Structures are given as C-alpha cells and as structure tokens.
C-alpha atoms as a PDB file:
ATOM      1  CA  UNK A   1       3.251 -23.615  -2.346  1.00  0.00           C
ATOM      2  CA  UNK A   2       2.693 -19.625  -1.340  1.00  0.00           C
ATOM      3  CA  UNK A   3       0.193 -19.092   1.110  1.00  0.00           C
ATOM      4  CA  UNK A   4      -3.208 -17.539  -0.478  1.00  0.00           C
ATOM      5  CA  UNK A   5      -5.233 -15.125   1.544  1.00  0.00           C
ATOM      6  CA  UNK A   6      -8.864 -13.719   0.809  1.00  0.00           C
ATOM      7  CA  UNK A   7      -7.695 -10.242  -0.157  1.00  0.00           C
ATOM      8  CA  UNK A   8     -11.168  -9.021  -1.149  1.00  0.00           C
ATOM      9  CA  UNK A   9     -12.320  -9.654   2.476  1.00  0.00           C
ATOM     10  CA  UNK A  10      -8.973  -8.014   3.982  1.00  0.00           C
ATOM     11  CA  UNK A  11      -9.849  -5.169   1.823  1.00  0.00           C
ATOM     12  CA  UNK A  12     -13.453  -4.807   2.512  1.00  0.00           C
ATOM     13  CA  UNK A  13     -12.492  -4.783   6.535  1.00  0.00           C
ATOM     14  CA  UNK A  14      -9.904  -2.217   6.210  1.00  0.00           C
ATOM     15  CA  UNK A  15     -12.394  -0.156   4.121  1.00  0.00           C
ATOM     16  CA  UNK A  16     -15.092  -0.358   6.916  1.00  0.00           C
ATOM     17  CA  UNK A  17     -12.253   0.817   9.224  1.00  0.00           C
ATOM     18  CA  UNK A  18     -10.650   3.358   7.478  1.00  0.00           C
ATOM     19  CA  UNK A  19     -13.204   4.866   5.021  1.00  0.00           C
ATOM     20  CA  UNK A  20     -11.094   4.099   1.883  1.00  0.00           C
ATOM     21  CA  UNK A  21      -8.781   1.232   0.891  1.00  0.00           C
ATOM     22  CA  UNK A  22      -8.299  -0.458  -2.420  1.00  0.00           C
ATOM     23  CA  UNK A  23      -5.474  -3.311  -3.944  1.00  0.00           C
ATOM     24  CA  UNK A  24      -3.238  -1.402  -6.274  1.00  0.00           C
ATOM     25  CA  UNK A  25      -0.961  -4.160  -7.670  1.00  0.00           C
ATOM     26  CA  UNK A  26      -0.065  -7.916  -6.737  1.00  0.00           C
ATOM     27  CA  UNK A  27       3.277  -9.225  -7.750  1.00  0.00           C
ATOM     28  CA  UNK A  28       4.954 -12.364  -7.110  1.00  0.00           C
ATOM     29  CA  UNK A  29       8.744 -12.238  -6.312  1.00  0.00           C
ATOM     30  CA  UNK A  30      10.354 -15.632  -5.530  1.00  0.00           C
ATOM     31  CA  UNK A  31       8.996 -17.136  -2.507  1.00  0.00           C
ATOM     32  CA  UNK A  32       6.697 -14.087  -1.444  1.00  0.00           C
ATOM     33  CA  UNK A  33       3.605 -12.416  -3.128  1.00  0.00           C
ATOM     34  CA  UNK A  34       3.808  -8.484  -2.469  1.00  0.00           C
ATOM     35  CA  UNK A  35       0.304  -6.653  -2.257  1.00  0.00           C
ATOM     36  CA  UNK A  36       0.527  -2.989  -2.450  1.00  0.00           C
ATOM     37  CA  UNK A  37      -2.436  -1.430  -1.214  1.00  0.00           C
ATOM     38  CA  UNK A  38      -3.740   1.927  -0.540  1.00  0.00           C
ATOM     39  CA  UNK A  39      -5.402   2.829   2.588  1.00  0.00           C
ATOM     40  CA  UNK A  40      -6.992   6.806   2.811  1.00  0.00           C
ATOM     41  CA  UNK A  41      -4.126   7.912   1.003  1.00  0.00           C
ATOM     42  CA  UNK A  42      -1.581   5.638   2.757  1.00  0.00           C
ATOM     43  CA  UNK A  43       0.544   3.459   0.443  1.00  0.00           C
ATOM     44  CA  UNK A  44       1.478  -0.134   2.345  1.00  0.00           C
ATOM     45  CA  UNK A  45       3.504  -3.092   0.876  1.00  0.00           C
ATOM     46  CA  UNK A  46       2.423  -6.380   2.345  1.00  0.00           C
ATOM     47  CA  UNK A  47       4.761  -9.091   1.728  1.00  0.00           C
ATOM     48  CA  UNK A  48       3.603 -12.771   2.463  1.00  0.00           C
ATOM     49  CA  UNK A  49       6.258 -15.575   2.699  1.00  0.00           C
ATOM     50  CA  UNK A  50       6.030 -18.954   1.724  1.00  0.00           C
ATOM     51  CA  UNK A  51       6.265 -20.070   5.503  1.00  0.00           C
ATOM     52  CA  UNK A  52       3.046 -17.984   6.224  1.00  0.00           C
ATOM     53  CA  UNK A  53       5.468 -14.787   7.653  1.00  0.00           C
ATOM     54  CA  UNK A  54       3.594 -11.368   7.294  1.00  0.00           C
ATOM     55  CA  UNK A  55       5.700  -8.182   6.769  1.00  0.00           C
ATOM     56  CA  UNK A  56       4.391  -5.061   6.155  1.00  0.00           C
ATOM     57  CA  UNK A  57       6.239  -1.897   5.067  1.00  0.00           C
ATOM     58  CA  UNK A  58       4.203   1.294   5.784  1.00  0.00           C
ATOM     59  CA  UNK A  59       4.893   4.718   7.383  1.00  0.00           C
ATOM     60  CA  UNK A  60       2.064   4.866  10.000  1.00  0.00           C
ATOM     61  CA  UNK A  61       2.723   2.246  12.765  1.00  0.00           C
ATOM     62  CA  UNK A  62      -1.002   1.772  13.584  1.00  0.00           C
ATOM     63  CA  UNK A  63      -2.076   1.254  10.271  1.00  0.00           C
ATOM     64  CA  UNK A  64       0.774  -1.397   9.831  1.00  0.00           C
ATOM     65  CA  UNK A  65      -0.245  -3.336  12.729  1.00  0.00           C
ATOM     66  CA  UNK A  66      -3.892  -3.303  11.772  1.00  0.00           C
ATOM     67  CA  UNK A  67      -2.862  -4.471   8.218  1.00  0.00           C
ATOM     68  CA  UNK A  68      -0.543  -7.403   9.432  1.00  0.00           C
ATOM     69  CA  UNK A  69      -3.384  -8.544  12.006  1.00  0.00           C
ATOM     70  CA  UNK A  70      -5.503  -8.671   9.143  1.00  0.00           C
ATOM     71  CA  UNK A  71      -3.485 -10.611   6.952  1.00  0.00           C
ATOM     72  CA  UNK A  72      -2.439 -13.247   9.807  1.00  0.00           C
ATOM     73  CA  UNK A  73      -5.950 -13.975  10.601  1.00  0.00           C
ATOM     74  CA  UNK A  74      -6.401 -17.775  10.043  1.00  0.00           C
ATOM     75  CA  UNK A  75     -10.367 -16.798   9.109  1.00  0.00           C
ATOM     76  CA  UNK A  76      -8.611 -15.221   5.674  1.00  0.00           C
ATOM     77  CA  UNK A  77      -6.087 -17.603   4.632  1.00  0.00           C
ATOM     78  CA  UNK A  78      -6.929 -20.538   2.399  1.00  0.00           C
ATOM     79  CA  UNK A  79      -3.915 -22.364   3.096  1.00  0.00           C
ATOM     80  CA  UNK A  80      -0.621 -22.391   5.024  1.00  0.00           C
END
C-alpha cells in the first residue's frame, strides 16, 4: 500500500508561507507517488515511496527542505 498524505493541507500551509502554491499533477510510478508542485514559480517534484521515505527534487534548497518537512509531518499522513 502506498502511503497517503493530505496534499490539500500541505498545499495550504505552503501557500500561507510562500504566498502561492498549487498542485499541478499527481502520478503513480510503481512503488512511489510523484506530486508535481508549483510554489511561487518554482517547480518541485515530491516522491513519496511505499516505505514512507520522501525525496524532493527542487532547485531551491530551502524550499526543498520546507516541502520535505511538510510531507514527513505525522499530522498529515493518513497511513504509513
């Protein structure tokens, strides 16, 4: 079972912090879910693996860490 996260809650928190954020696309690739997110004009790919590991590909390091922290938050995980 692939872990499910509350993406709407994560996007809302990023929107409050950075002013603009939206979920562009979601894709399931084998054992991972890929979220394509646009935050203030910066595109980020968030990979959530079956074991709960989160990997973020983003050109801005601070934004990458912020997104990772939101996705790893236990409050926003439905199941691991």
